[in-house]
Every structure is written in C-alpha cells, then in structure tokens.
Amino acid sequence: MLELLIVLYYYEVNKLLKRFQFSLRGVLEMGTIVCQTCNGTIEHFEDEKVSVLYALCNHCDSKKEEDELVEL
C-alpha cells in the first residue's frame, strides 16, 4: 500500500512540474470542448496545442435521454 502511495505522489509531483515548466516557456495553449449537437462551448482547458474536442453538453445529453425514453 505504501508503494502505491509513493507512486501516486511521484506521478502527481511529476505532472505538476511538467505543467510548471510548460507555463514558464509559454508552451501551453488553449483547448476547447464543444457540444457536438448545439456547437456551444462547454469548457476551456490548457493543452500543449490548440485543440477542439467534441462532447455532449448537459442540456443536449438530457434531451437525448428523454428522446430515448419516449422511443421505448
């Protein structure tokens, strides 16, 4: 159990150091998560390059679930 905690601690520290190094060099860019149904912006995040990811927003996801229930 102790080894697992040490590995997790090392992983988190390493991740923070890499993020700090990127921010010092100004390499981190902005990524955007966009709803694939309504094209609304869901969230922005830091990434190594400018990127767009697609997902369903809460509104479209709940509407999809309602439509599926109606079909049944």
PDB file of N, CA and C in Angstrom:
ATOM      1  N   MET A   1       0.820  -1.195   0.000  1.00  0.00           N
ATOM      2  CA  MET A   1       0.000   0.000   0.000  1.00  0.00           C
ATOM      3  C   MET A   1       0.864   1.260   0.000  1.00  0.00           C
ATOM      4  N   LEU A   2       1.948   1.207   0.757  1.00  0.00           N
ATOM      5  CA  LEU A   2       2.838   2.359   0.828  1.00  0.00           C
ATOM      6  C   LEU A   2       3.486   2.628  -0.530  1.00  0.00           C
ATOM      7  N   GLU A   3       3.858   1.546  -1.245  1.00  0.00           N
ATOM      8  CA  GLU A   3       4.467   1.731  -2.568  1.00  0.00           C
ATOM      9  C   GLU A   3       3.493   2.410  -3.522  1.00  0.00           C
ATOM     10  N   LEU A   4       2.217   2.043  -3.438  1.00  0.00           N
ATOM     11  CA  LEU A   4       1.206   2.657  -4.298  1.00  0.00           C
ATOM     12  C   LEU A   4       1.091   4.152  -4.012  1.00  0.00           C
ATOM     13  N   LEU A   5       1.097   4.516  -2.746  1.00  0.00           N
ATOM     14  CA  LEU A   5       1.030   5.931  -2.389  1.00  0.00           C
ATOM     15  C   LEU A   5       2.254   6.693  -2.876  1.00  0.00           C
ATOM     16  N   ILE A   6       3.405   6.077  -2.789  1.00  0.00           N
ATOM     17  CA  ILE A   6       4.632   6.724  -3.259  1.00  0.00           C
ATOM     18  C   ILE A   6       4.578   6.931  -4.766  1.00  0.00           C
ATOM     19  N   VAL A   7       4.102   5.928  -5.485  1.00  0.00           N
ATOM     20  CA  VAL A   7       3.998   6.044  -6.948  1.00  0.00           C
ATOM     21  C   VAL A   7       2.998   7.133  -7.323  1.00  0.00           C
ATOM     22  N   LEU A   8       1.851   7.160  -6.650  1.00  0.00           N
ATOM     23  CA  LEU A   8       0.855   8.194  -6.940  1.00  0.00           C
ATOM     24  C   LEU A   8       1.392   9.587  -6.621  1.00  0.00           C
ATOM     25  N   TYR A   9       2.102   9.719  -5.509  1.00  0.00           N
ATOM     26  CA  TYR A   9       2.696  11.001  -5.140  1.00  0.00           C
ATOM     27  C   TYR A   9       3.711  11.444  -6.199  1.00  0.00           C
ATOM     28  N   TYR A  10       4.581  10.517  -6.629  1.00  0.00           N
ATOM     29  CA  TYR A  10       5.573  10.832  -7.655  1.00  0.00           C
ATOM     30  C   TYR A  10       4.886  11.265  -8.948  1.00  0.00           C
ATOM     31  N   TYR A  11       3.830  10.566  -9.328  1.00  0.00           N
ATOM     32  CA  TYR A  11       3.098  10.886 -10.552  1.00  0.00           C
ATOM     33  C   TYR A  11       2.516  12.307 -10.471  1.00  0.00           C
ATOM     34  N   GLU A  12       1.877  12.649  -9.358  1.00  0.00           N
ATOM     35  CA  GLU A  12       1.275  13.971  -9.216  1.00  0.00           C
ATOM     36  C   GLU A  12       2.333  15.075  -9.199  1.00  0.00           C
ATOM     37  N   VAL A  13       3.427  14.853  -8.497  1.00  0.00           N
ATOM     38  CA  VAL A  13       4.511  15.846  -8.462  1.00  0.00           C
ATOM     39  C   VAL A  13       5.105  16.024  -9.847  1.00  0.00           C
ATOM     40  N   ASN A  14       5.326  14.931 -10.554  1.00  0.00           N
ATOM     41  CA  ASN A  14       5.880  14.995 -11.902  1.00  0.00           C
ATOM     42  C   ASN A  14       4.944  15.750 -12.839  1.00  0.00           C
ATOM     43  N   LYS A  15       3.648  15.494 -12.706  1.00  0.00           N
ATOM     44  CA  LYS A  15       2.671  16.181 -13.542  1.00  0.00           C
ATOM     45  C   LYS A  15       2.685  17.682 -13.266  1.00  0.00           C
ATOM     46  N   LEU A  16       2.762  18.073 -11.999  1.00  0.00           N
ATOM     47  CA  LEU A  16       2.817  19.492 -11.649  1.00  0.00           C
ATOM     48  C   LEU A  16       4.093  20.154 -12.171  1.00  0.00           C
ATOM     49  N   LEU A  17       5.217  19.462 -12.063  1.00  0.00           N
ATOM     50  CA  LEU A  17       6.473  20.031 -12.556  1.00  0.00           C
ATOM     51  C   LEU A  17       6.439  20.233 -14.063  1.00  0.00           C
ATOM     52  N   LYS A  18       5.892  19.255 -14.794  1.00  0.00           N
ATOM     53  CA  LYS A  18       5.806  19.414 -16.252  1.00  0.00           C
ATOM     54  C   LYS A  18       4.904  20.588 -16.602  1.00  0.00           C
ATOM     55  N   ARG A  19       3.784  20.713 -15.890  1.00  0.00           N
ATOM     56  CA  ARG A  19       2.882  21.826 -16.161  1.00  0.00           C
ATOM     57  C   ARG A  19       3.561  23.157 -15.856  1.00  0.00           C
ATOM     58  N   PHE A  20       4.325  23.228 -14.781  1.00  0.00           N
ATOM     59  CA  PHE A  20       5.037  24.450 -14.416  1.00  0.00           C
ATOM     60  C   PHE A  20       6.079  24.792 -15.469  1.00  0.00           C
ATOM     61  N   GLN A  21       6.798  23.788 -15.964  1.00  0.00           N
ATOM     62  CA  GLN A  21       7.807  24.033 -16.997  1.00  0.00           C
ATOM     63  C   GLN A  21       7.157  24.555 -18.270  1.00  0.00           C
ATOM     64  N   PHE A  22       6.016  23.971 -18.676  1.00  0.00           N
ATOM     65  CA  PHE A  22       5.337  24.457 -19.871  1.00  0.00           C
ATOM     66  C   PHE A  22       4.866  25.889 -19.685  1.00  0.00           C
ATOM     67  N   SER A  23       4.340  26.197 -18.504  1.00  0.00           N
ATOM     68  CA  SER A  23       3.834  27.550 -18.291  1.00  0.00           C
ATOM     69  C   SER A  23       4.976  28.560 -18.291  1.00  0.00           C
ATOM     70  N   LEU A  24       6.159  28.171 -17.816  1.00  0.00           N
ATOM     71  CA  LEU A  24       7.303  29.074 -17.849  1.00  0.00           C
ATOM     72  C   LEU A  24       7.743  29.356 -19.279  1.00  0.00           C
ATOM     73  N   ARG A  25       7.670  28.354 -20.115  1.00  0.00           N
ATOM     74  CA  ARG A  25       8.082  28.530 -21.506  1.00  0.00           C
ATOM     75  C   ARG A  25       6.977  29.106 -22.373  1.00  0.00           C
ATOM     76  N   GLY A  26       5.759  29.178 -21.832  1.00  0.00           N
ATOM     77  CA  GLY A  26       4.642  29.711 -22.599  1.00  0.00           C
ATOM     78  C   GLY A  26       4.148  28.746 -23.660  1.00  0.00           C
ATOM     79  N   VAL A  27       4.369  27.454 -23.459  1.00  0.00           N
ATOM     80  CA  VAL A  27       4.010  26.467 -24.466  1.00  0.00           C
ATOM     81  C   VAL A  27       2.541  26.065 -24.370  1.00  0.00           C
ATOM     82  N   LEU A  28       1.952  26.169 -23.190  1.00  0.00           N
ATOM     83  CA  LEU A  28       0.571  25.739 -23.036  1.00  0.00           C
ATOM     84  C   LEU A  28      -0.360  26.628 -23.846  1.00  0.00           C
ATOM     85  N   GLU A  29      -1.217  26.000 -24.586  1.00  0.00           N
ATOM     86  CA  GLU A  29      -2.188  26.702 -25.412  1.00  0.00           C
ATOM     87  C   GLU A  29      -3.574  26.441 -24.846  1.00  0.00           C
ATOM     88  N   MET A  30      -4.591  26.917 -25.527  1.00  0.00           N
ATOM     89  CA  MET A  30      -5.949  26.763 -25.048  1.00  0.00           C
ATOM     90  C   MET A  30      -6.683  25.740 -25.902  1.00  0.00           C
ATOM     91  N   GLY A  31      -7.304  24.797 -25.230  1.00  0.00           N
ATOM     92  CA  GLY A  31      -8.173  23.842 -25.899  1.00  0.00           C
ATOM     93  C   GLY A  31      -9.610  24.156 -25.545  1.00  0.00           C
ATOM     94  N   THR A  32     -10.531  23.703 -26.375  1.00  0.00           N
ATOM     95  CA  THR A  32     -11.946  23.971 -26.165  1.00  0.00           C
ATOM     96  C   THR A  32     -12.736  22.679 -26.328  1.00  0.00           C
ATOM     97  N   ILE A  33     -13.695  22.461 -25.434  1.00  0.00           N
ATOM     98  CA  ILE A  33     -14.632  21.344 -25.572  1.00  0.00           C
ATOM     99  C   ILE A  33     -15.937  21.941 -26.070  1.00  0.00           C
ATOM    100  N   VAL A  34     -16.407  21.432 -27.217  1.00  0.00           N
ATOM    101  CA  VAL A  34     -17.579  21.968 -27.893  1.00  0.00           C
ATOM    102  C   VAL A  34     -18.659  20.888 -27.951  1.00  0.00           C
ATOM    103  N   CYS A  35     -19.927  21.287 -27.768  1.00  0.00           N
ATOM    104  CA  CYS A  35     -21.034  20.345 -27.873  1.00  0.00           C
ATOM    105  C   CYS A  35     -21.211  19.960 -29.338  1.00  0.00           C
ATOM    106  N   GLN A  36     -21.280  18.662 -29.602  1.00  0.00           N
ATOM    107  CA  GLN A  36     -21.399  18.200 -30.990  1.00  0.00           C
ATOM    108  C   GLN A  36     -22.808  18.372 -31.535  1.00  0.00           C
ATOM    109  N   THR A  37     -23.784  18.672 -30.680  1.00  0.00           N
ATOM    110  CA  THR A  37     -25.153  18.850 -31.137  1.00  0.00           C
ATOM    111  C   THR A  37     -25.486  20.314 -31.374  1.00  0.00           C
ATOM    112  N   CYS A  38     -25.232  21.158 -30.364  1.00  0.00           N
ATOM    113  CA  CYS A  38     -25.622  22.571 -30.476  1.00  0.00           C
ATOM    114  C   CYS A  38     -24.440  23.503 -30.756  1.00  0.00           C
ATOM    115  N   ASN A  39     -23.223  22.962 -30.840  1.00  0.00           N
ATOM    116  CA  ASN A  39     -21.995  23.734 -31.099  1.00  0.00           C
ATOM    117  C   ASN A  39     -21.706  24.782 -30.035  1.00  0.00           C
ATOM    118  N   GLY A  40     -22.259  24.623 -28.853  1.00  0.00           N
ATOM    119  CA  GLY A  40     -21.975  25.532 -27.748  1.00  0.00           C
ATOM    120  C   GLY A  40     -20.659  25.165 -27.079  1.00  0.00           C
ATOM    121  N   THR A  41     -19.979  26.153 -26.519  1.00  0.00           N
ATOM    122  CA  THR A  41     -18.734  25.907 -25.799  1.00  0.00           C
ATOM    123  C   THR A  41     -19.058  25.347 -24.425  1.00  0.00           C
ATOM    124  N   ILE A  42     -18.496  24.187 -24.107  1.00  0.00           N
ATOM    125  CA  ILE A  42     -18.730  23.561 -22.811  1.00  0.00           C
ATOM    126  C   ILE A  42     -17.678  24.014 -21.819  1.00  0.00           C
ATOM    127  N   GLU A  43     -16.408  23.968 -22.228  1.00  0.00           N
ATOM    128  CA  GLU A  43     -15.328  24.304 -21.300  1.00  0.00           C
ATOM    129  C   GLU A  43     -14.046  24.590 -22.075  1.00  0.00           C
ATOM    130  N   HIS A  44     -13.151  25.362 -21.449  1.00  0.00           N
ATOM    131  CA  HIS A  44     -11.808  25.596 -21.974  1.00  0.00           C
ATOM    132  C   HIS A  44     -10.815  24.875 -21.073  1.00  0.00           C
ATOM    133  N   PHE A  45      -9.694  24.438 -21.651  1.00  0.00           N
ATOM    134  CA  PHE A  45      -8.667  23.754 -20.875  1.00  0.00           C
ATOM    135  C   PHE A  45      -7.306  24.059 -21.468  1.00  0.00           C
ATOM    136  N   GLU A  46      -6.269  23.854 -20.649  1.00  0.00           N
ATOM    137  CA  GLU A  46      -4.907  24.072 -21.128  1.00  0.00           C
ATOM    138  C   GLU A  46      -4.407  22.797 -21.789  1.00  0.00           C
ATOM    139  N   ASP A  47      -3.714  22.956 -22.896  1.00  0.00           N
ATOM    140  CA  ASP A  47      -3.189  21.828 -23.648  1.00  0.00           C
ATOM    141  C   ASP A  47      -1.872  22.251 -24.270  1.00  0.00           C
ATOM    142  N   GLU A  48      -1.143  21.291 -24.811  1.00  0.00           N
ATOM    143  CA  GLU A  48       0.133  21.602 -25.455  1.00  0.00           C
ATOM    144  C   GLU A  48      -0.057  22.257 -26.808  1.00  0.00           C
ATOM    145  N   LYS A  49      -1.245  22.161 -27.360  1.00  0.00           N
ATOM    146  CA  LYS A  49      -1.531  22.779 -28.651  1.00  0.00           C
ATOM    147  C   LYS A  49      -2.989  23.223 -28.654  1.00  0.00           C
ATOM    148  N   VAL A  50      -3.337  24.071 -29.589  1.00  0.00           N
ATOM    149  CA  VAL A  50      -4.722  24.494 -29.722  1.00  0.00           C
ATOM    150  C   VAL A  50      -5.508  23.310 -30.267  1.00  0.00           C
ATOM    151  N   SER A  51      -6.585  22.938 -29.554  1.00  0.00           N
ATOM    152  CA  SER A  51      -7.348  21.778 -29.986  1.00  0.00           C
ATOM    153  C   SER A  51      -8.821  21.974 -29.680  1.00  0.00           C
ATOM    154  N   VAL A  52      -9.650  21.229 -30.397  1.00  0.00           N
ATOM    155  CA  VAL A  52     -11.087  21.231 -30.181  1.00  0.00           C
ATOM    156  C   VAL A  52     -11.515  19.792 -29.969  1.00  0.00           C
ATOM    157  N   LEU A  53     -12.192  19.551 -28.847  1.00  0.00           N
ATOM    158  CA  LEU A  53     -12.753  18.239 -28.557  1.00  0.00           C
ATOM    159  C   LEU A  53     -14.267  18.357 -28.589  1.00  0.00           C
ATOM    160  N   TYR A  54     -14.942  17.292 -28.988  1.00  0.00           N
ATOM    161  CA  TYR A  54     -16.389  17.318 -29.079  1.00  0.00           C
ATOM    162  C   TYR A  54     -17.004  16.369 -28.069  1.00  0.00           C
ATOM    163  N   ALA A  55     -18.095  16.820 -27.435  1.00  0.00           N
ATOM    164  CA  ALA A  55     -18.830  16.031 -26.452  1.00  0.00           C
ATOM    165  C   ALA A  55     -20.279  16.505 -26.479  1.00  0.00           C
ATOM    166  N   LEU A  56     -21.098  15.998 -25.572  1.00  0.00           N
ATOM    167  CA  LEU A  56     -22.471  16.475 -25.429  1.00  0.00           C
ATOM    168  C   LEU A  56     -22.565  17.335 -24.178  1.00  0.00           C
ATOM    169  N   CYS A  57     -23.189  18.510 -24.296  1.00  0.00           N
ATOM    170  CA  CYS A  57     -23.401  19.339 -23.121  1.00  0.00           C
ATOM    171  C   CYS A  57     -24.525  18.729 -22.282  1.00  0.00           C
ATOM    172  N   ASN A  58     -24.670  19.203 -21.055  1.00  0.00           N
ATOM    173  CA  ASN A  58     -25.689  18.654 -20.159  1.00  0.00           C
ATOM    174  C   ASN A  58     -27.091  18.794 -20.733  1.00  0.00           C
ATOM    175  N   HIS A  59     -27.370  19.915 -21.370  1.00  0.00           N
ATOM    176  CA  HIS A  59     -28.707  20.144 -21.932  1.00  0.00           C
ATOM    177  C   HIS A  59     -29.013  19.153 -23.054  1.00  0.00           C
ATOM    178  N   CYS A  60     -28.097  18.999 -23.988  1.00  0.00           N
ATOM    179  CA  CYS A  60     -28.315  18.085 -25.119  1.00  0.00           C
ATOM    180  C   CYS A  60     -28.301  16.630 -24.666  1.00  0.00           C
ATOM    181  N   ASP A  61     -27.483  16.319 -23.672  1.00  0.00           N
ATOM    182  CA  ASP A  61     -27.407  14.954 -23.160  1.00  0.00           C
ATOM    183  C   ASP A  61     -28.717  14.560 -22.487  1.00  0.00           C
ATOM    184  N   SER A  62     -29.277  15.457 -21.674  1.00  0.00           N
ATOM    185  CA  SER A  62     -30.541  15.134 -21.008  1.00  0.00           C
ATOM    186  C   SER A  62     -31.684  15.060 -22.013  1.00  0.00           C
ATOM    187  N   LYS A  63     -31.641  15.910 -23.046  1.00  0.00           N
ATOM    188  CA  LYS A  63     -32.676  15.862 -24.088  1.00  0.00           C
ATOM    189  C   LYS A  63     -32.594  14.546 -24.852  1.00  0.00           C
ATOM    190  N   LYS A  64     -31.361  14.066 -25.118  1.00  0.00           N
ATOM    191  CA  LYS A  64     -31.168  12.792 -25.808  1.00  0.00           C
ATOM    192  C   LYS A  64     -31.731  11.651 -24.981  1.00  0.00           C
ATOM    193  N   GLU A  65     -31.489  11.670 -23.661  1.00  0.00           N
ATOM    194  CA  GLU A  65     -32.007  10.621 -22.776  1.00  0.00           C
ATOM    195  C   GLU A  65     -33.535  10.650 -22.758  1.00  0.00           C
ATOM    196  N   GLU A  66     -34.134  11.843 -22.754  1.00  0.00           N
ATOM    197  CA  GLU A  66     -35.598  11.956 -22.779  1.00  0.00           C
ATOM    198  C   GLU A  66     -36.147  11.386 -24.076  1.00  0.00           C
ATOM    199  N   ASP A  67     -35.491  11.685 -25.206  1.00  0.00           N
ATOM    200  CA  ASP A  67     -35.925  11.158 -26.500  1.00  0.00           C
ATOM    201  C   ASP A  67     -35.836   9.636 -26.537  1.00  0.00           C
ATOM    202  N   GLU A  68     -34.797   9.079 -25.938  1.00  0.00           N
ATOM    203  CA  GLU A  68     -34.654   7.622 -25.921  1.00  0.00           C
ATOM    204  C   GLU A  68     -35.754   6.984 -25.081  1.00  0.00           C
ATOM    205  N   LEU A  69     -36.139   7.616 -23.966  1.00  0.00           N
ATOM    206  CA  LEU A  69     -37.214   7.092 -23.126  1.00  0.00           C
ATOM    207  C   LEU A  69     -38.548   7.127 -23.841  1.00  0.00           C
ATOM    208  N   VAL A  70     -38.784   8.177 -24.631  1.00  0.00           N
ATOM    209  CA  VAL A  70     -40.033   8.303 -25.377  1.00  0.00           C
ATOM    210  C   VAL A  70     -40.142   7.204 -26.428  1.00  0.00           C
ATOM    211  N   GLU A  71     -39.016   6.867 -27.063  1.00  0.00           N
ATOM    212  CA  GLU A  71     -38.999   5.831 -28.095  1.00  0.00           C
ATOM    213  C   GLU A  71     -39.342   4.456 -27.533  1.00  0.00           C
ATOM    214  N   LEU A  72     -39.009   4.216 -26.266  1.00  0.00           N
ATOM    215  CA  LEU A  72     -39.297   2.923 -25.657  1.00  0.00           C
ATOM    216  C   LEU A  72     -40.763   2.822 -25.392  1.00  0.00           C
TER     217      LEU A  72
END
